[in-house]
Amino acid sequence: MNYKNKNLEELGKKINNLNNQNKPDIKKKESGAGFGFKISTEIIAALVVGVGIGLIVDNYFNTKPIGLIIFFIFGALAGFLNVYRVMRRIEKQR
């Protein structure tokens, strides 16, 4: 039993030594395609949610185009707000 504890302690020391080694500071730069995909996903997701809510509101209150139009506009505004937030976050990282 003492032998097992000694081996575990040695293994723990080796793991700590590996974790404490100086690693080069590599900053992950986002590629142009990845950035474009992130922005387009933000806008599309907000529009899909807005249109979905608009359709549900129209079916519930029987107001066919009004809810869809209003929530489409809200979705578009939310999408552009999300894009603005992502841009500000990226700007702060530089």
PDB file of N, CA and C in Angstrom:
ATOM      1  N   MET A   1       0.827  -1.185   0.000  1.00  0.00           N
ATOM      2  CA  MET A   1       0.000   0.000   0.000  1.00  0.00           C
ATOM      3  C   MET A   1       0.871   1.248   0.000  1.00  0.00           C
ATOM      4  N   ASN A   2       1.942   1.240   0.745  1.00  0.00           N
ATOM      5  CA  ASN A   2       2.865   2.364   0.793  1.00  0.00           C
ATOM      6  C   ASN A   2       3.492   2.588  -0.574  1.00  0.00           C
ATOM      7  N   TYR A   3       3.759   1.498  -1.284  1.00  0.00           N
ATOM      8  CA  TYR A   3       4.348   1.576  -2.618  1.00  0.00           C
ATOM      9  C   TYR A   3       3.422   2.311  -3.586  1.00  0.00           C
ATOM     10  N   LYS A   4       2.108   2.042  -3.493  1.00  0.00           N
ATOM     11  CA  LYS A   4       1.130   2.686  -4.367  1.00  0.00           C
ATOM     12  C   LYS A   4       1.051   4.187  -4.089  1.00  0.00           C
ATOM     13  N   ASN A   5       1.059   4.552  -2.808  1.00  0.00           N
ATOM     14  CA  ASN A   5       0.992   5.967  -2.450  1.00  0.00           C
ATOM     15  C   ASN A   5       2.217   6.713  -2.951  1.00  0.00           C
ATOM     16  N   LYS A   6       3.384   6.070  -2.858  1.00  0.00           N
ATOM     17  CA  LYS A   6       4.612   6.694  -3.321  1.00  0.00           C
ATOM     18  C   LYS A   6       4.560   6.917  -4.833  1.00  0.00           C
ATOM     19  N   ASN A   7       4.065   5.927  -5.566  1.00  0.00           N
ATOM     20  CA  ASN A   7       3.936   6.063  -7.019  1.00  0.00           C
ATOM     21  C   ASN A   7       2.944   7.171  -7.384  1.00  0.00           C
ATOM     22  N   LEU A   8       1.856   7.264  -6.650  1.00  0.00           N
ATOM     23  CA  LEU A   8       0.867   8.306  -6.922  1.00  0.00           C
ATOM     24  C   LEU A   8       1.436   9.689  -6.638  1.00  0.00           C
ATOM     25  N   GLU A   9       2.229   9.799  -5.570  1.00  0.00           N
ATOM     26  CA  GLU A   9       2.853  11.081  -5.258  1.00  0.00           C
ATOM     27  C   GLU A   9       3.841  11.485  -6.341  1.00  0.00           C
ATOM     28  N   GLU A  10       4.623  10.523  -6.827  1.00  0.00           N
ATOM     29  CA  GLU A  10       5.577  10.811  -7.902  1.00  0.00           C
ATOM     30  C   GLU A  10       4.853  11.237  -9.172  1.00  0.00           C
ATOM     31  N   LEU A  11       3.766  10.546  -9.474  1.00  0.00           N
ATOM     32  CA  LEU A  11       2.974  10.896 -10.648  1.00  0.00           C
ATOM     33  C   LEU A  11       2.388  12.292 -10.503  1.00  0.00           C
ATOM     34  N   GLY A  12       1.903  12.626  -9.312  1.00  0.00           N
ATOM     35  CA  GLY A  12       1.353  13.954  -9.064  1.00  0.00           C
ATOM     36  C   GLY A  12       2.410  15.030  -9.230  1.00  0.00           C
ATOM     37  N   LYS A  13       3.625  14.772  -8.777  1.00  0.00           N
ATOM     38  CA  LYS A  13       4.711  15.741  -8.931  1.00  0.00           C
ATOM     39  C   LYS A  13       5.054  15.943 -10.407  1.00  0.00           C
ATOM     40  N   LYS A  14       5.091  14.842 -11.156  1.00  0.00           N
ATOM     41  CA  LYS A  14       5.389  14.950 -12.583  1.00  0.00           C
ATOM     42  C   LYS A  14       4.324  15.760 -13.314  1.00  0.00           C
ATOM     43  N   ILE A  15       3.070  15.533 -12.961  1.00  0.00           N
ATOM     44  CA  ILE A  15       1.970  16.280 -13.596  1.00  0.00           C
ATOM     45  C   ILE A  15       2.082  17.759 -13.253  1.00  0.00           C
ATOM     46  N   ASN A  16       2.373  18.072 -11.997  1.00  0.00           N
ATOM     47  CA  ASN A  16       2.527  19.476 -11.604  1.00  0.00           C
ATOM     48  C   ASN A  16       3.689  20.136 -12.324  1.00  0.00           C
ATOM     49  N   ASN A  17       4.795  19.403 -12.488  1.00  0.00           N
ATOM     50  CA  ASN A  17       5.937  19.958 -13.211  1.00  0.00           C
ATOM     51  C   ASN A  17       5.579  20.253 -14.660  1.00  0.00           C
ATOM     52  N   LEU A  18       4.824  19.352 -15.279  1.00  0.00           N
ATOM     53  CA  LEU A  18       4.417  19.582 -16.664  1.00  0.00           C
ATOM     54  C   LEU A  18       3.463  20.767 -16.785  1.00  0.00           C
ATOM     55  N   ASN A  19       2.572  20.910 -15.826  1.00  0.00           N
ATOM     56  CA  ASN A  19       1.612  22.022 -15.855  1.00  0.00           C
ATOM     57  C   ASN A  19       2.287  23.359 -15.591  1.00  0.00           C
ATOM     58  N   ASN A  20       3.354  23.363 -14.800  1.00  0.00           N
ATOM     59  CA  ASN A  20       4.008  24.612 -14.418  1.00  0.00           C
ATOM     60  C   ASN A  20       5.072  25.072 -15.406  1.00  0.00           C
ATOM     61  N   GLN A  21       5.343  24.289 -16.426  1.00  0.00           N
ATOM     62  CA  GLN A  21       6.340  24.697 -17.415  1.00  0.00           C
ATOM     63  C   GLN A  21       5.864  25.942 -18.134  1.00  0.00           C
ATOM     64  N   ASN A  22       6.813  26.784 -18.496  1.00  0.00           N
ATOM     65  CA  ASN A  22       6.465  28.007 -19.226  1.00  0.00           C
ATOM     66  C   ASN A  22       6.020  27.649 -20.630  1.00  0.00           C
ATOM     67  N   LYS A  23       4.803  27.985 -20.924  1.00  0.00           N
ATOM     68  CA  LYS A  23       4.250  27.740 -22.252  1.00  0.00           C
ATOM     69  C   LYS A  23       4.224  29.056 -23.003  1.00  0.00           C
ATOM     70  N   PRO A  24       4.516  29.032 -24.282  1.00  0.00           N
ATOM     71  CA  PRO A  24       4.444  30.283 -25.042  1.00  0.00           C
ATOM     72  C   PRO A  24       3.015  30.802 -25.075  1.00  0.00           C
ATOM     73  N   ASP A  25       2.889  32.110 -24.963  1.00  0.00           N
ATOM     74  CA  ASP A  25       1.571  32.747 -24.966  1.00  0.00           C
ATOM     75  C   ASP A  25       1.086  32.854 -26.405  1.00  0.00           C
ATOM     76  N   ILE A  26       0.210  31.956 -26.759  1.00  0.00           N
ATOM     77  CA  ILE A  26      -0.313  31.928 -28.126  1.00  0.00           C
ATOM     78  C   ILE A  26      -1.728  32.490 -28.097  1.00  0.00           C
ATOM     79  N   LYS A  27      -1.917  33.604 -28.770  1.00  0.00           N
ATOM     80  CA  LYS A  27      -3.259  34.169 -28.867  1.00  0.00           C
ATOM     81  C   LYS A  27      -3.913  33.633 -30.117  1.00  0.00           C
ATOM     82  N   LYS A  28      -5.102  33.144 -29.942  1.00  0.00           N
ATOM     83  CA  LYS A  28      -5.833  32.581 -31.059  1.00  0.00           C
ATOM     84  C   LYS A  28      -6.445  33.719 -31.858  1.00  0.00           C
ATOM     85  N   LYS A  29      -5.994  33.839 -33.079  1.00  0.00           N
ATOM     86  CA  LYS A  29      -6.583  34.846 -33.949  1.00  0.00           C
ATOM     87  C   LYS A  29      -7.692  34.183 -34.748  1.00  0.00           C
ATOM     88  N   GLU A  30      -8.774  34.892 -34.834  1.00  0.00           N
ATOM     89  CA  GLU A  30      -9.930  34.359 -35.523  1.00  0.00           C
ATOM     90  C   GLU A  30      -9.787  34.596 -37.016  1.00  0.00           C
ATOM     91  N   SER A  31     -10.045  33.587 -37.790  1.00  0.00           N
ATOM     92  CA  SER A  31      -9.945  33.739 -39.234  1.00  0.00           C
ATOM     93  C   SER A  31     -11.115  34.565 -39.751  1.00  0.00           C
ATOM     94  N   GLY A  32     -10.974  35.075 -40.947  1.00  0.00           N
ATOM     95  CA  GLY A  32     -12.035  35.884 -41.542  1.00  0.00           C
ATOM     96  C   GLY A  32     -13.312  35.092 -41.748  1.00  0.00           C
ATOM     97  N   ALA A  33     -13.148  33.832 -42.166  1.00  0.00           N
ATOM     98  CA  ALA A  33     -14.331  32.992 -42.384  1.00  0.00           C
ATOM     99  C   ALA A  33     -15.036  32.698 -41.058  1.00  0.00           C
ATOM    100  N   GLY A  34     -14.268  32.441 -40.000  1.00  0.00           N
ATOM    101  CA  GLY A  34     -14.866  32.174 -38.691  1.00  0.00           C
ATOM    102  C   GLY A  34     -15.596  33.388 -38.149  1.00  0.00           C
ATOM    103  N   PHE A  35     -14.996  34.562 -38.363  1.00  0.00           N
ATOM    104  CA  PHE A  35     -15.630  35.797 -37.907  1.00  0.00           C
ATOM    105  C   PHE A  35     -16.929  36.049 -38.673  1.00  0.00           C
ATOM    106  N   GLY A  36     -16.889  35.867 -39.986  1.00  0.00           N
ATOM    107  CA  GLY A  36     -18.099  36.046 -40.795  1.00  0.00           C
ATOM    108  C   GLY A  36     -19.188  35.067 -40.418  1.00  0.00           C
ATOM    109  N   PHE A  37     -18.795  33.825 -40.127  1.00  0.00           N
ATOM    110  CA  PHE A  37     -19.777  32.817 -39.721  1.00  0.00           C
ATOM    111  C   PHE A  37     -20.419  33.197 -38.397  1.00  0.00           C
ATOM    112  N   LYS A  38     -19.619  33.709 -37.469  1.00  0.00           N
ATOM    113  CA  LYS A  38     -20.157  34.119 -36.171  1.00  0.00           C
ATOM    114  C   LYS A  38     -21.155  35.265 -36.326  1.00  0.00           C
ATOM    115  N   ILE A  39     -20.814  36.260 -37.127  1.00  0.00           N
ATOM    116  CA  ILE A  39     -21.691  37.412 -37.331  1.00  0.00           C
ATOM    117  C   ILE A  39     -22.991  36.988 -38.021  1.00  0.00           C
ATOM    118  N   SER A  40     -22.863  36.183 -39.079  1.00  0.00           N
ATOM    119  CA  SER A  40     -24.078  35.756 -39.788  1.00  0.00           C
ATOM    120  C   SER A  40     -24.959  34.883 -38.905  1.00  0.00           C
ATOM    121  N   THR A  41     -24.357  34.071 -38.060  1.00  0.00           N
ATOM    122  CA  THR A  41     -25.141  33.239 -37.146  1.00  0.00           C
ATOM    123  C   THR A  41     -25.909  34.093 -36.151  1.00  0.00           C
ATOM    124  N   GLU A  42     -25.274  35.145 -35.654  1.00  0.00           N
ATOM    125  CA  GLU A  42     -25.955  36.045 -34.720  1.00  0.00           C
ATOM    126  C   GLU A  42     -27.198  36.665 -35.363  1.00  0.00           C
ATOM    127  N   ILE A  43     -27.052  37.154 -36.571  1.00  0.00           N
ATOM    128  CA  ILE A  43     -28.174  37.824 -37.245  1.00  0.00           C
ATOM    129  C   ILE A  43     -29.273  36.821 -37.586  1.00  0.00           C
ATOM    130  N   ILE A  44     -28.899  35.681 -38.150  1.00  0.00           N
ATOM    131  CA  ILE A  44     -29.899  34.694 -38.573  1.00  0.00           C
ATOM    132  C   ILE A  44     -30.659  34.134 -37.377  1.00  0.00           C
ATOM    133  N   ALA A  45     -29.948  33.855 -36.284  1.00  0.00           N
ATOM    134  CA  ALA A  45     -30.619  33.308 -35.093  1.00  0.00           C
ATOM    135  C   ALA A  45     -31.634  34.299 -34.544  1.00  0.00           C
ATOM    136  N   ALA A  46     -31.259  35.577 -34.491  1.00  0.00           N
ATOM    137  CA  ALA A  46     -32.192  36.582 -33.974  1.00  0.00           C
ATOM    138  C   ALA A  46     -33.408  36.719 -34.882  1.00  0.00           C
ATOM    139  N   LEU A  47     -33.192  36.662 -36.189  1.00  0.00           N
ATOM    140  CA  LEU A  47     -34.321  36.759 -37.121  1.00  0.00           C
ATOM    141  C   LEU A  47     -35.242  35.545 -37.014  1.00  0.00           C
ATOM    142  N   VAL A  48     -34.671  34.361 -36.875  1.00  0.00           N
ATOM    143  CA  VAL A  48     -35.496  33.151 -36.754  1.00  0.00           C
ATOM    144  C   VAL A  48     -36.339  33.200 -35.491  1.00  0.00           C
ATOM    145  N   VAL A  49     -35.755  33.636 -34.395  1.00  0.00           N
ATOM    146  CA  VAL A  49     -36.509  33.742 -33.139  1.00  0.00           C
ATOM    147  C   VAL A  49     -37.610  34.792 -33.271  1.00  0.00           C
ATOM    148  N   GLY A  50     -37.286  35.938 -33.882  1.00  0.00           N
ATOM    149  CA  GLY A  50     -38.298  36.986 -34.070  1.00  0.00           C
ATOM    150  C   GLY A  50     -39.452  36.530 -34.935  1.00  0.00           C
ATOM    151  N   VAL A  51     -39.140  35.863 -36.047  1.00  0.00           N
ATOM    152  CA  VAL A  51     -40.200  35.372 -36.944  1.00  0.00           C
ATOM    153  C   VAL A  51     -41.026  34.297 -36.239  1.00  0.00           C
ATOM    154  N   GLY A  52     -40.371  33.413 -35.489  1.00  0.00           N
ATOM    155  CA  GLY A  52     -41.100  32.370 -34.760  1.00  0.00           C
ATOM    156  C   GLY A  52     -42.069  32.956 -33.749  1.00  0.00           C
ATOM    157  N   ILE A  53     -41.607  33.937 -32.990  1.00  0.00           N
ATOM    158  CA  ILE A  53     -42.494  34.588 -32.020  1.00  0.00           C
ATOM    159  C   ILE A  53     -43.620  35.311 -32.742  1.00  0.00           C
ATOM    160  N   GLY A  54     -43.299  35.953 -33.854  1.00  0.00           N
ATOM    161  CA  GLY A  54     -44.329  36.654 -34.628  1.00  0.00           C
ATOM    162  C   GLY A  54     -45.408  35.716 -35.129  1.00  0.00           C
ATOM    163  N   LEU A  55     -45.015  34.553 -35.622  1.00  0.00           N
ATOM    164  CA  LEU A  55     -45.999  33.583 -36.098  1.00  0.00           C
ATOM    165  C   LEU A  55     -46.858  33.049 -34.955  1.00  0.00           C
ATOM    166  N   ILE A  56     -46.256  32.817 -33.817  1.00  0.00           N
ATOM    167  CA  ILE A  56     -47.030  32.342 -32.658  1.00  0.00           C
ATOM    168  C   ILE A  56     -48.033  33.399 -32.210  1.00  0.00           C
ATOM    169  N   VAL A  57     -47.586  34.655 -32.165  1.00  0.00           N
ATOM    170  CA  VAL A  57     -48.481  35.746 -31.761  1.00  0.00           C
ATOM    171  C   VAL A  57     -49.627  35.882 -32.765  1.00  0.00           C
ATOM    172  N   ASP A  58     -49.309  35.782 -34.058  1.00  0.00           N
ATOM    173  CA  ASP A  58     -50.360  35.880 -35.078  1.00  0.00           C
ATOM    174  C   ASP A  58     -51.384  34.761 -34.957  1.00  0.00           C
ATOM    175  N   ASN A  59     -50.940  33.554 -34.694  1.00  0.00           N
ATOM    176  CA  ASN A  59     -51.884  32.445 -34.554  1.00  0.00           C
ATOM    177  C   ASN A  59     -52.718  32.557 -33.282  1.00  0.00           C
ATOM    178  N   TYR A  60     -52.124  33.071 -32.216  1.00  0.00           N
ATOM    179  CA  TYR A  60     -52.834  33.166 -30.946  1.00  0.00           C
ATOM    180  C   TYR A  60     -53.872  34.280 -30.969  1.00  0.00           C
ATOM    181  N   PHE A  61     -53.500  35.452 -31.503  1.00  0.00           N
ATOM    182  CA  PHE A  61     -54.410  36.604 -31.509  1.00  0.00           C
ATOM    183  C   PHE A  61     -55.146  36.787 -32.832  1.00  0.00           C
ATOM    184  N   ASN A  62     -54.861  35.926 -33.820  1.00  0.00           N
ATOM    185  CA  ASN A  62     -55.503  35.985 -35.137  1.00  0.00           C
ATOM    186  C   ASN A  62     -55.285  37.355 -35.802  1.00  0.00           C
ATOM    187  N   THR A  63     -54.069  37.832 -35.771  1.00  0.00           N
ATOM    188  CA  THR A  63     -53.675  39.074 -36.449  1.00  0.00           C
ATOM    189  C   THR A  63     -52.568  38.711 -37.435  1.00  0.00           C
ATOM    190  N   LYS A  64     -52.970  38.248 -38.619  1.00  0.00           N
ATOM    191  CA  LYS A  64     -52.034  37.576 -39.506  1.00  0.00           C
ATOM    192  C   LYS A  64     -50.730  38.318 -39.805  1.00  0.00           C
ATOM    193  N   PRO A  65     -50.649  39.447 -40.435  1.00  0.00           N
ATOM    194  CA  PRO A  65     -49.293  39.924 -40.770  1.00  0.00           C
ATOM    195  C   PRO A  65     -48.669  40.836 -39.712  1.00  0.00           C
ATOM    196  N   ILE A  66     -49.470  41.369 -38.799  1.00  0.00           N
ATOM    197  CA  ILE A  66     -48.973  42.404 -37.893  1.00  0.00           C
ATOM    198  C   ILE A  66     -47.906  41.866 -36.934  1.00  0.00           C
ATOM    199  N   GLY A  67     -48.175  40.761 -36.273  1.00  0.00           N
ATOM    200  CA  GLY A  67     -47.210  40.196 -35.330  1.00  0.00           C
ATOM    201  C   GLY A  67     -45.921  39.776 -36.015  1.00  0.00           C
ATOM    202  N   LEU A  68     -46.060  39.192 -37.210  1.00  0.00           N
ATOM    203  CA  LEU A  68     -44.880  38.776 -37.954  1.00  0.00           C
ATOM    204  C   LEU A  68     -44.006  39.975 -38.313  1.00  0.00           C
ATOM    205  N   ILE A  69     -44.603  41.034 -38.769  1.00  0.00           N
ATOM    206  CA  ILE A  69     -43.848  42.232 -39.158  1.00  0.00           C
ATOM    207  C   ILE A  69     -43.154  42.853 -37.946  1.00  0.00           C
ATOM    208  N   ILE A  70     -43.908  43.006 -36.861  1.00  0.00           N
ATOM    209  CA  ILE A  70     -43.353  43.649 -35.668  1.00  0.00           C
ATOM    210  C   ILE A  70     -42.202  42.830 -35.093  1.00  0.00           C
ATOM    211  N   PHE A  71     -42.389  41.521 -34.954  1.00  0.00           N
ATOM    212  CA  PHE A  71     -41.335  40.700 -34.351  1.00  0.00           C
ATOM    213  C   PHE A  71     -40.184  40.439 -35.316  1.00  0.00           C
ATOM    214  N   PHE A  72     -40.423  40.536 -36.627  1.00  0.00           N
ATOM    215  CA  PHE A  72     -39.310  40.484 -37.573  1.00  0.00           C
ATOM    216  C   PHE A  72     -38.403  41.696 -37.370  1.00  0.00           C
ATOM    217  N   ILE A  73     -39.017  42.861 -37.192  1.00  0.00           N
ATOM    218  CA  ILE A  73     -38.235  44.084 -36.950  1.00  0.00           C
ATOM    219  C   ILE A  73     -37.489  43.975 -35.625  1.00  0.00           C
ATOM    220  N   PHE A  74     -38.165  43.481 -34.574  1.00  0.00           N
ATOM    221  CA  PHE A  74     -37.487  43.295 -33.288  1.00  0.00           C
ATOM    222  C   PHE A  74     -36.321  42.309 -33.412  1.00  0.00           C
ATOM    223  N   GLY A  75     -36.530  41.236 -34.167  1.00  0.00           N
ATOM    224  CA  GLY A  75     -35.467  40.253 -34.378  1.00  0.00           C
ATOM    225  C   GLY A  75     -34.280  40.852 -35.111  1.00  0.00           C
ATOM    226  N   ALA A  76     -34.563  41.672 -36.129  1.00  0.00           N
ATOM    227  CA  ALA A  76     -33.480  42.317 -36.869  1.00  0.00           C
ATOM    228  C   ALA A  76     -32.705  43.266 -35.965  1.00  0.00           C
ATOM    229  N   LEU A  77     -33.415  44.030 -35.160  1.00  0.00           N
ATOM    230  CA  LEU A  77     -32.740  44.943 -34.223  1.00  0.00           C
ATOM    231  C   LEU A  77     -31.901  44.172 -33.201  1.00  0.00           C
ATOM    232  N   ALA A  78     -32.443  43.077 -32.702  1.00  0.00           N
ATOM    233  CA  ALA A  78     -31.696  42.262 -31.745  1.00  0.00           C
ATOM    234  C   ALA A  78     -30.451  41.655 -32.395  1.00  0.00           C
ATOM    235  N   GLY A  79     -30.580  41.232 -33.646  1.00  0.00           N
ATOM    236  CA  GLY A  79     -29.429  40.678 -34.357  1.00  0.00           C
ATOM    237  C   GLY A  79     -28.326  41.699 -34.538  1.00  0.00           C
ATOM    238  N   PHE A  80     -28.685  42.914 -34.941  1.00  0.00           N
ATOM    239  CA  PHE A  80     -27.675  43.944 -35.120  1.00  0.00           C
ATOM    240  C   PHE A  80     -27.080  44.387 -33.777  1.00  0.00           C
ATOM    241  N   LEU A  81     -27.880  44.362 -32.727  1.00  0.00           N
ATOM    242  CA  LEU A  81     -27.355  44.673 -31.403  1.00  0.00           C
ATOM    243  C   LEU A  81     -26.333  43.617 -30.966  1.00  0.00           C
ATOM    244  N   ASN A  82     -26.621  42.350 -31.249  1.00  0.00           N
ATOM    245  CA  ASN A  82     -25.672  41.279 -30.923  1.00  0.00           C
ATOM    246  C   ASN A  82     -24.379  41.425 -31.712  1.00  0.00           C
ATOM    247  N   VAL A  83     -24.496  41.785 -32.985  1.00  0.00           N
ATOM    248  CA  VAL A  83     -23.300  42.001 -33.807  1.00  0.00           C
ATOM    249  C   VAL A  83     -22.486  43.158 -33.240  1.00  0.00           C
ATOM    250  N   TYR A  84     -23.142  44.213 -32.816  1.00  0.00           N
ATOM    251  CA  TYR A  84     -22.457  45.358 -32.225  1.00  0.00           C
ATOM    252  C   TYR A  84     -21.701  44.942 -30.959  1.00  0.00           C
ATOM    253  N   ARG A  85     -22.335  44.115 -30.133  1.00  0.00           N
ATOM    254  CA  ARG A  85     -21.692  43.642 -28.911  1.00  0.00           C
ATOM    255  C   ARG A  85     -20.471  42.783 -29.217  1.00  0.00           C
ATOM    256  N   VAL A  86     -20.590  41.906 -30.219  1.00  0.00           N
ATOM    257  CA  VAL A  86     -19.453  41.068 -30.609  1.00  0.00           C
ATOM    258  C   VAL A  86     -18.311  41.937 -31.116  1.00  0.00           C
ATOM    259  N   MET A  87     -18.624  42.946 -31.907  1.00  0.00           N
ATOM    260  CA  MET A  87     -17.591  43.837 -32.436  1.00  0.00           C
ATOM    261  C   MET A  87     -16.896  44.588 -31.306  1.00  0.00           C
ATOM    262  N   ARG A  88     -17.653  45.058 -30.327  1.00  0.00           N
ATOM    263  CA  ARG A  88     -17.029  45.759 -29.195  1.00  0.00           C
ATOM    264  C   ARG A  88     -16.137  44.842 -28.380  1.00  0.00           C
ATOM    265  N   ARG A  89     -16.568  43.582 -28.189  1.00  0.00           N
ATOM    266  CA  ARG A  89     -15.764  42.620 -27.444  1.00  0.00           C
ATOM    267  C   ARG A  89     -14.450  42.347 -28.166  1.00  0.00           C
ATOM    268  N   ILE A  90     -14.511  42.205 -29.476  1.00  0.00           N
ATOM    269  CA  ILE A  90     -13.300  41.962 -30.266  1.00  0.00           C
ATOM    270  C   ILE A  90     -12.400  43.196 -30.231  1.00  0.00           C
ATOM    271  N   GLU A  91     -12.990  44.368 -30.289  1.00  0.00           N
ATOM    272  CA  GLU A  91     -12.215  45.604 -30.252  1.00  0.00           C
ATOM    273  C   GLU A  91     -11.473  45.740 -28.929  1.00  0.00           C
ATOM    274  N   LYS A  92     -12.082  45.323 -27.821  1.00  0.00           N
ATOM    275  CA  LYS A  92     -11.429  45.416 -26.510  1.00  0.00           C
ATOM    276  C   LYS A  92     -10.274  44.433 -26.391  1.00  0.00           C
ATOM    277  N   GLN A  93     -10.344  43.304 -27.101  1.00  0.00           N
ATOM    278  CA  GLN A  93      -9.291  42.298 -27.022  1.00  0.00           C
ATOM    279  C   GLN A  93      -8.028  42.745 -27.741  1.00  0.00           C
ATOM    280  N   ARG A  94      -8.106  43.664 -28.652  1.00  0.00           N
ATOM    281  CA  ARG A  94      -6.930  44.089 -29.426  1.00  0.00           C
ATOM    282  C   ARG A  94      -6.139  45.099 -28.727  1.00  0.00           C
TER     283      ARG A  94
END
